[in-house]
N, C-alpha and C. Protein backbone atom coordinates (compact mmCIF):
# COMPACT_ATOMS: atom_id res chain seq x y z
N MET A 1 148.60 103.51 77.18
CA MET A 1 149.18 104.27 77.78
C MET A 1 149.94 104.05 76.61
N ASN A 2 149.94 104.98 75.06
CA ASN A 2 150.92 104.58 74.48
C ASN A 2 152.78 105.46 74.91
N TRP A 3 153.24 104.99 75.61
CA TRP A 3 154.62 105.65 76.56
C TRP A 3 155.74 105.74 75.50
N MET A 4 156.69 106.12 74.52
CA MET A 4 157.00 106.33 73.96
C MET A 4 156.50 107.55 73.13
N ARG A 5 154.54 107.63 72.49
CA ARG A 5 154.51 108.57 72.21
C ARG A 5 154.53 109.65 73.50
N ILE A 6 154.14 109.37 74.68
CA ILE A 6 154.08 110.99 75.33
C ILE A 6 155.43 110.83 75.87
N ALA A 7 156.33 110.31 75.62
CA ALA A 7 158.25 110.71 75.54
C ALA A 7 159.19 111.28 74.30
N ALA A 8 157.87 111.73 73.40
CA ALA A 8 158.17 112.32 72.04
C ALA A 8 157.54 113.71 72.77
N VAL A 9 156.68 113.73 73.22
CA VAL A 9 155.51 114.85 73.35
C VAL A 9 156.83 116.10 75.07
N VAL A 10 156.80 114.77 75.60
CA VAL A 10 157.83 115.16 77.19
C VAL A 10 159.21 115.54 76.74
N GLY A 11 159.85 115.02 75.34
CA GLY A 11 160.61 115.79 74.99
C GLY A 11 160.85 116.66 73.96
N PHE A 12 160.10 117.10 73.33
CA PHE A 12 159.43 117.98 72.72
C PHE A 12 159.17 118.88 73.23
N THR A 13 157.77 119.16 74.30
CA THR A 13 158.85 120.33 75.51
C THR A 13 159.41 120.64 76.37
N GLY A 14 160.56 120.02 76.68
CA GLY A 14 161.44 120.14 77.52
C GLY A 14 162.66 120.65 76.32
N VAL A 15 163.03 120.36 74.77
CA VAL A 15 163.72 121.55 74.10
C VAL A 15 163.22 122.86 73.96
N SER A 16 161.36 122.19 73.32
CA SER A 16 161.04 124.02 73.93
C SER A 16 161.19 125.09 74.76
N LEU A 17 161.11 124.04 75.81
CA LEU A 17 161.49 125.20 77.11
C LEU A 17 162.95 125.76 77.30
N GLY A 18 163.89 124.97 76.94
CA GLY A 18 165.11 125.17 77.13
C GLY A 18 165.34 126.33 75.65
N ALA A 19 164.59 125.99 74.65
CA ALA A 19 164.84 127.44 73.66
C ALA A 19 164.28 128.77 73.85
N PHE A 20 163.54 128.31 74.63
CA PHE A 20 161.89 129.86 75.33
C PHE A 20 163.08 130.13 76.50
N GLY A 21 163.77 129.31 77.24
CA GLY A 21 164.84 130.21 78.29
C GLY A 21 166.08 130.72 78.11
N ALA A 22 166.63 130.08 77.03
CA ALA A 22 167.77 130.73 76.24
C ALA A 22 168.10 132.08 75.75
N HIS A 23 166.73 131.83 74.65
CA HIS A 23 166.08 132.72 74.04
C HIS A 23 164.98 134.25 74.22
N GLY A 24 163.65 133.55 75.35
CA GLY A 24 162.96 134.20 75.33
C GLY A 24 162.55 134.92 76.39
N LEU A 25 163.62 134.16 78.37
CA LEU A 25 164.01 134.87 78.98
C LEU A 25 164.73 135.29 79.14
N GLU A 26 165.61 135.31 78.43
CA GLU A 26 167.32 136.21 79.68
C GLU A 26 167.39 137.67 80.10
N SER A 27 166.39 138.37 80.11
CA SER A 27 166.33 139.37 81.10
C SER A 27 165.54 138.86 82.84
N ILE A 28 164.98 138.19 82.62
CA ILE A 28 163.45 137.23 83.80
C ILE A 28 164.96 136.02 84.45
N LEU A 29 165.25 135.58 83.56
CA LEU A 29 166.59 134.49 83.89
C LEU A 29 167.71 134.83 84.64
N SER A 30 168.36 136.13 83.79
CA SER A 30 169.29 136.52 84.43
C SER A 30 169.63 137.17 86.22
N VAL A 31 168.42 137.12 86.77
CA VAL A 31 168.84 137.32 88.05
C VAL A 31 168.54 136.00 89.06
N GLY A 32 170.02 136.95 90.22
CA GLY A 32 170.24 135.63 90.86
C GLY A 32 170.20 133.96 90.12
N GLU A 33 170.17 133.03 90.91
CA GLU A 33 169.77 131.87 90.87
C GLU A 33 169.14 131.02 90.21
N ARG A 34 168.03 132.35 89.09
CA ARG A 34 166.57 131.62 88.25
C ARG A 34 167.34 130.48 86.89
N ALA A 35 168.20 130.65 86.50
CA ALA A 35 168.74 130.05 85.31
C ALA A 35 169.65 129.54 85.11
N GLU A 36 170.36 129.04 86.06
CA GLU A 36 170.07 127.94 87.37
C GLU A 36 169.16 127.03 87.60
N TRP A 37 167.92 127.17 88.08
CA TRP A 37 167.18 126.45 88.45
C TRP A 37 166.22 125.99 86.53
N TRP A 38 166.34 127.30 86.02
CA TRP A 38 166.17 126.10 84.83
C TRP A 38 166.38 125.54 83.95
N GLY A 39 168.04 125.75 83.88
CA GLY A 39 168.37 124.83 83.96
C GLY A 39 168.75 123.29 84.32
N THR A 40 168.55 123.25 85.39
CA THR A 40 168.42 121.89 86.52
C THR A 40 167.01 121.23 86.09
N ALA A 41 166.02 121.61 86.04
CA ALA A 41 164.72 121.61 84.97
C ALA A 41 164.71 120.78 83.32
N VAL A 42 165.80 121.95 82.98
CA VAL A 42 165.71 121.83 81.42
C VAL A 42 166.47 120.04 81.68
N ASP A 43 167.68 120.28 82.03
CA ASP A 43 168.18 119.12 81.92
C ASP A 43 167.75 117.37 82.67
N TYR A 44 167.03 117.54 83.81
CA TYR A 44 165.57 116.31 84.40
C TYR A 44 165.04 115.89 83.69
N HIS A 45 164.14 117.10 82.96
CA HIS A 45 163.44 117.27 81.59
C HIS A 45 163.75 116.55 80.65
N MET A 46 164.82 116.41 80.26
CA MET A 46 165.10 115.69 78.84
C MET A 46 165.81 114.05 78.89
N TRP A 47 165.99 113.99 80.02
CA TRP A 47 166.66 113.14 80.99
C TRP A 47 165.20 112.41 81.00
N HIS A 48 164.57 112.18 81.70
CA HIS A 48 163.33 111.43 82.06
C HIS A 48 162.42 111.62 80.97
N ALA A 49 162.91 112.79 80.39
CA ALA A 49 162.19 112.16 78.48
C ALA A 49 162.83 110.47 78.11
N LEU A 50 163.96 110.76 78.15
CA LEU A 50 164.47 110.07 77.28
C LEU A 50 164.41 108.53 78.19
N ALA A 51 164.35 108.90 79.48
CA ALA A 51 163.58 107.60 80.74
C ALA A 51 162.84 106.70 79.71
N LEU A 52 161.23 108.25 79.52
CA LEU A 52 160.28 107.61 79.30
C LEU A 52 160.39 106.30 78.27
N LEU A 53 161.33 106.15 76.95
CA LEU A 53 161.54 105.96 75.55
C LEU A 53 161.68 104.57 76.51
N GLY A 54 162.63 104.73 77.41
CA GLY A 54 162.59 102.71 77.89
C GLY A 54 161.56 102.35 78.77
N VAL A 55 160.79 103.57 79.01
CA VAL A 55 159.76 103.27 79.64
C VAL A 55 158.66 102.52 78.59
N GLY A 56 159.09 102.68 77.29
CA GLY A 56 157.81 102.18 76.49
C GLY A 56 159.11 101.06 75.71
N LEU A 57 159.40 100.71 75.88
CA LEU A 57 160.34 99.91 75.70
C LEU A 57 160.30 98.48 76.02
N VAL A 58 160.46 98.57 77.88
CA VAL A 58 160.33 97.54 78.58
C VAL A 58 158.78 97.42 78.55
N VAL A 59 157.22 98.21 78.34
CA VAL A 59 155.90 97.56 78.27
C VAL A 59 155.81 96.76 77.80
N GLU A 60 156.66 97.65 76.06
CA GLU A 60 156.06 96.86 74.85
C GLU A 60 156.36 95.27 75.30
N ARG A 61 158.37 94.98 75.73
CA ARG A 61 158.99 93.65 75.89
C ARG A 61 158.59 92.50 76.87
N THR A 62 157.57 92.98 77.96
CA THR A 62 157.15 92.57 79.35
C THR A 62 155.59 92.87 79.29
N GLY A 63 155.17 94.25 79.02
CA GLY A 63 154.65 94.09 80.09
C GLY A 63 153.92 94.33 80.56
N ARG A 64 155.52 95.04 81.75
CA ARG A 64 155.57 95.79 82.72
C ARG A 64 155.74 97.33 82.46
N GLY A 65 155.60 98.37 83.38
CA GLY A 65 156.97 99.12 84.09
C GLY A 65 156.08 100.66 83.57
N ARG A 66 154.80 100.12 84.26
CA ARG A 66 153.48 101.65 83.31
C ARG A 66 153.51 102.14 84.52
N ALA A 67 154.29 101.59 86.70
CA ALA A 67 154.44 102.54 87.36
C ALA A 67 155.23 103.50 87.09
N ALA A 68 156.56 102.70 86.46
CA ALA A 68 157.89 104.15 86.05
C ALA A 68 157.72 105.16 85.81
N GLY A 69 156.47 104.48 84.03
CA GLY A 69 156.08 106.29 83.58
C GLY A 69 155.01 107.03 84.20
N TRP A 70 154.69 106.26 85.19
CA TRP A 70 153.60 107.67 85.84
C TRP A 70 154.50 108.04 87.02
N CYS A 71 154.94 107.46 87.50
CA CYS A 71 156.64 108.29 88.52
C CYS A 71 157.35 108.71 87.32
N PHE A 72 158.08 109.27 86.28
CA PHE A 72 158.85 109.80 85.57
C PHE A 72 157.95 111.41 84.86
N LEU A 73 156.29 110.61 84.96
CA LEU A 73 155.87 111.08 84.19
C LEU A 73 155.15 112.24 85.09
N LEU A 74 155.08 112.40 86.32
CA LEU A 74 154.17 113.02 87.61
C LEU A 74 155.88 113.77 88.40
N GLY A 75 157.04 113.23 88.40
CA GLY A 75 158.47 113.38 88.23
C GLY A 75 158.69 114.65 87.81
N ILE A 76 158.92 114.59 86.60
CA ILE A 76 159.06 115.52 85.47
C ILE A 76 157.47 117.18 85.86
N THR A 77 157.04 116.62 86.24
CA THR A 77 156.01 117.85 86.19
C THR A 77 156.28 118.44 87.59
N VAL A 78 156.28 117.73 89.06
CA VAL A 78 156.53 118.05 89.86
C VAL A 78 158.16 118.82 90.36
N PHE A 79 159.41 117.57 89.47
CA PHE A 79 160.60 118.13 89.88
C PHE A 79 160.91 119.62 89.02
N SER A 80 160.55 119.45 88.16
CA SER A 80 160.77 120.14 86.79
C SER A 80 159.46 121.40 86.35
N GLY A 81 159.15 121.40 86.87
CA GLY A 81 157.86 122.26 87.32
C GLY A 81 158.16 123.36 88.51
N THR A 82 158.37 122.74 89.36
CA THR A 82 159.09 124.11 90.37
C THR A 82 160.05 124.55 90.38
N LEU A 83 160.72 123.88 89.75
CA LEU A 83 161.89 124.38 89.15
C LEU A 83 162.41 125.60 87.48
N TYR A 84 160.69 125.19 86.83
CA TYR A 84 160.58 126.06 86.22
C TYR A 84 160.28 127.50 86.99
N GLY A 85 158.82 126.79 88.24
CA GLY A 85 158.64 127.95 88.02
C GLY A 85 159.22 129.38 89.38
N LEU A 86 160.19 128.71 89.83
CA LEU A 86 161.58 128.54 91.03
C LEU A 86 162.10 129.77 89.58
N GLY A 87 162.52 128.97 89.09
CA GLY A 87 163.04 130.03 87.22
C GLY A 87 162.40 131.65 87.14
N LEU A 88 160.65 131.70 86.76
CA LEU A 88 160.52 132.45 86.79
C LEU A 88 159.76 133.39 87.50
N GLY A 89 160.52 133.76 88.80
CA GLY A 89 159.89 134.45 90.05
C GLY A 89 158.99 133.90 90.94
N GLY A 90 158.96 132.43 90.66
CA GLY A 90 157.70 132.21 91.60
C GLY A 90 157.78 131.87 92.67
N PRO A 91 156.82 131.59 94.03
CA PRO A 91 157.00 131.93 95.55
C PRO A 91 158.48 131.02 95.90
N ARG A 92 159.18 131.37 96.52
CA ARG A 92 160.23 130.14 97.14
C ARG A 92 159.38 128.65 97.58
N TRP A 93 158.40 128.80 98.41
CA TRP A 93 158.35 127.47 98.81
C TRP A 93 158.49 126.27 97.42
N LEU A 94 158.37 127.30 96.23
CA LEU A 94 158.34 125.53 95.79
C LEU A 94 159.76 124.83 95.57
N GLY A 95 160.50 125.85 96.26
CA GLY A 95 161.35 124.28 96.55
C GLY A 95 161.23 123.46 97.56
N ALA A 96 160.88 123.57 98.05
CA ALA A 96 160.29 122.83 99.31
C ALA A 96 159.83 121.24 99.07
N VAL A 97 158.84 122.06 97.58
CA VAL A 97 158.07 120.91 96.89
C VAL A 97 158.98 119.94 96.11
N THR A 98 159.24 120.97 95.40
CA THR A 98 160.55 119.77 95.01
C THR A 98 161.73 118.35 94.85
N PRO A 99 161.51 118.74 96.29
CA PRO A 99 162.17 116.97 96.51
C PRO A 99 161.41 115.98 95.95
N LEU A 100 159.84 116.86 95.98
CA LEU A 100 158.49 114.93 96.46
C LEU A 100 159.21 115.20 95.06
N GLY A 101 159.40 115.79 93.42
CA GLY A 101 159.37 115.38 92.30
C GLY A 101 160.46 114.43 92.64
N GLY A 102 161.47 115.06 92.97
CA GLY A 102 162.94 113.71 92.79
C GLY A 102 163.09 112.51 93.19
N LEU A 103 161.91 112.15 94.13
CA LEU A 103 161.33 111.67 95.17
C LEU A 103 160.98 110.09 93.72
N LEU A 104 159.60 110.87 92.95
CA LEU A 104 159.35 110.41 91.53
C LEU A 104 160.19 110.05 91.15
N LEU A 105 160.75 110.56 90.80
CA LEU A 105 162.13 110.09 89.90
C LEU A 105 162.62 109.32 89.90
N LEU A 106 163.67 109.20 91.42
CA LEU A 106 163.80 107.68 91.77
C LEU A 106 163.04 106.94 92.27
N SER A 107 162.10 106.68 91.78
CA SER A 107 160.87 105.76 92.16
C SER A 107 160.77 104.86 91.21
N GLY A 108 160.64 106.08 89.36
CA GLY A 108 160.84 105.32 88.73
C GLY A 108 161.34 104.67 88.40
N TRP A 109 162.99 104.99 88.48
CA TRP A 109 163.98 104.33 88.93
C TRP A 109 163.84 102.92 88.90
N LEU A 110 163.19 102.84 89.75
CA LEU A 110 163.05 101.47 90.90
C LEU A 110 161.94 100.80 90.24
N PHE A 111 161.46 101.40 89.69
CA PHE A 111 160.35 100.40 88.51
C PHE A 111 160.13 100.12 88.11
N LEU A 112 161.16 101.06 86.77
CA LEU A 112 161.66 100.98 85.67
C LEU A 112 162.66 99.75 85.52
N GLY A 113 163.85 99.31 86.59
CA GLY A 113 164.63 98.36 86.76
C GLY A 113 163.74 96.63 87.75
N LEU A 114 162.43 96.72 88.05
CA LEU A 114 161.68 95.86 88.46
C LEU A 114 161.00 95.68 86.93
N GLY A 115 160.60 96.40 86.32
CA GLY A 115 159.73 95.92 85.28
C GLY A 115 160.69 95.60 84.63
N ALA A 116 162.33 95.33 83.69
CA ALA A 116 163.12 95.34 83.32
C ALA A 116 163.71 93.77 83.78
N ARG A 117 163.14 93.64 84.26
CA ARG A 117 163.44 92.31 85.30
C ARG A 117 162.44 91.20 84.43
N THR A 118 163.84 90.23 83.93
CA THR A 118 163.10 88.59 82.84
C THR A 118 162.51 87.73 84.25
N PRO A 119 161.29 87.25 83.55
CA PRO A 119 160.30 86.47 84.66
C PRO A 119 161.60 85.71 84.74
N GLY A 120 161.09 85.19 86.04
CA GLY A 120 162.76 83.89 86.83
C GLY A 120 163.79 84.41 87.14
N THR A 121 164.12 85.30 87.33
CA THR A 121 165.64 85.87 88.12
C THR A 121 165.19 87.02 89.60
N ASN A 122 166.19 86.39 89.55
CA ASN A 122 166.42 87.03 91.74
C ASN A 122 167.36 88.05 91.50
N ALA A 123 167.23 89.06 92.23
CA ALA A 123 167.62 90.44 92.33
C ALA A 123 169.66 89.55 92.01
N ALA A 124 169.70 89.05 92.47
CA ALA A 124 171.41 88.84 91.90
C ALA A 124 170.97 88.30 90.44
N GLY A 125 170.18 87.79 89.54
CA GLY A 125 170.29 87.24 88.92
C GLY A 125 169.80 88.45 87.54
């Protein structure tokens, strides 16, 4: 897996979806909480695209961190994906799935931290 390339694709799609929401979905996103859901989806999508760049650097440097990449990728898909769906008027049960994506994103940060540590260091070092 080339995590840098994946980060670029994820970042590209995040910017595209942000622009599409701002310019192409004005009438749909003007209903209730939809714009807020869409905005939150884009925010997390983009922050975690940057996190994937970090994964690429850690994997390149240490050979570790692939689990973080997978967690971030799946987390973006589930967390942001369900919020995009809600923003488009999808079923409310999508909101019950969203926290699973959040757990995946949290796991990604944990795995990134573990992967970034240098060999021979302990948790305090």
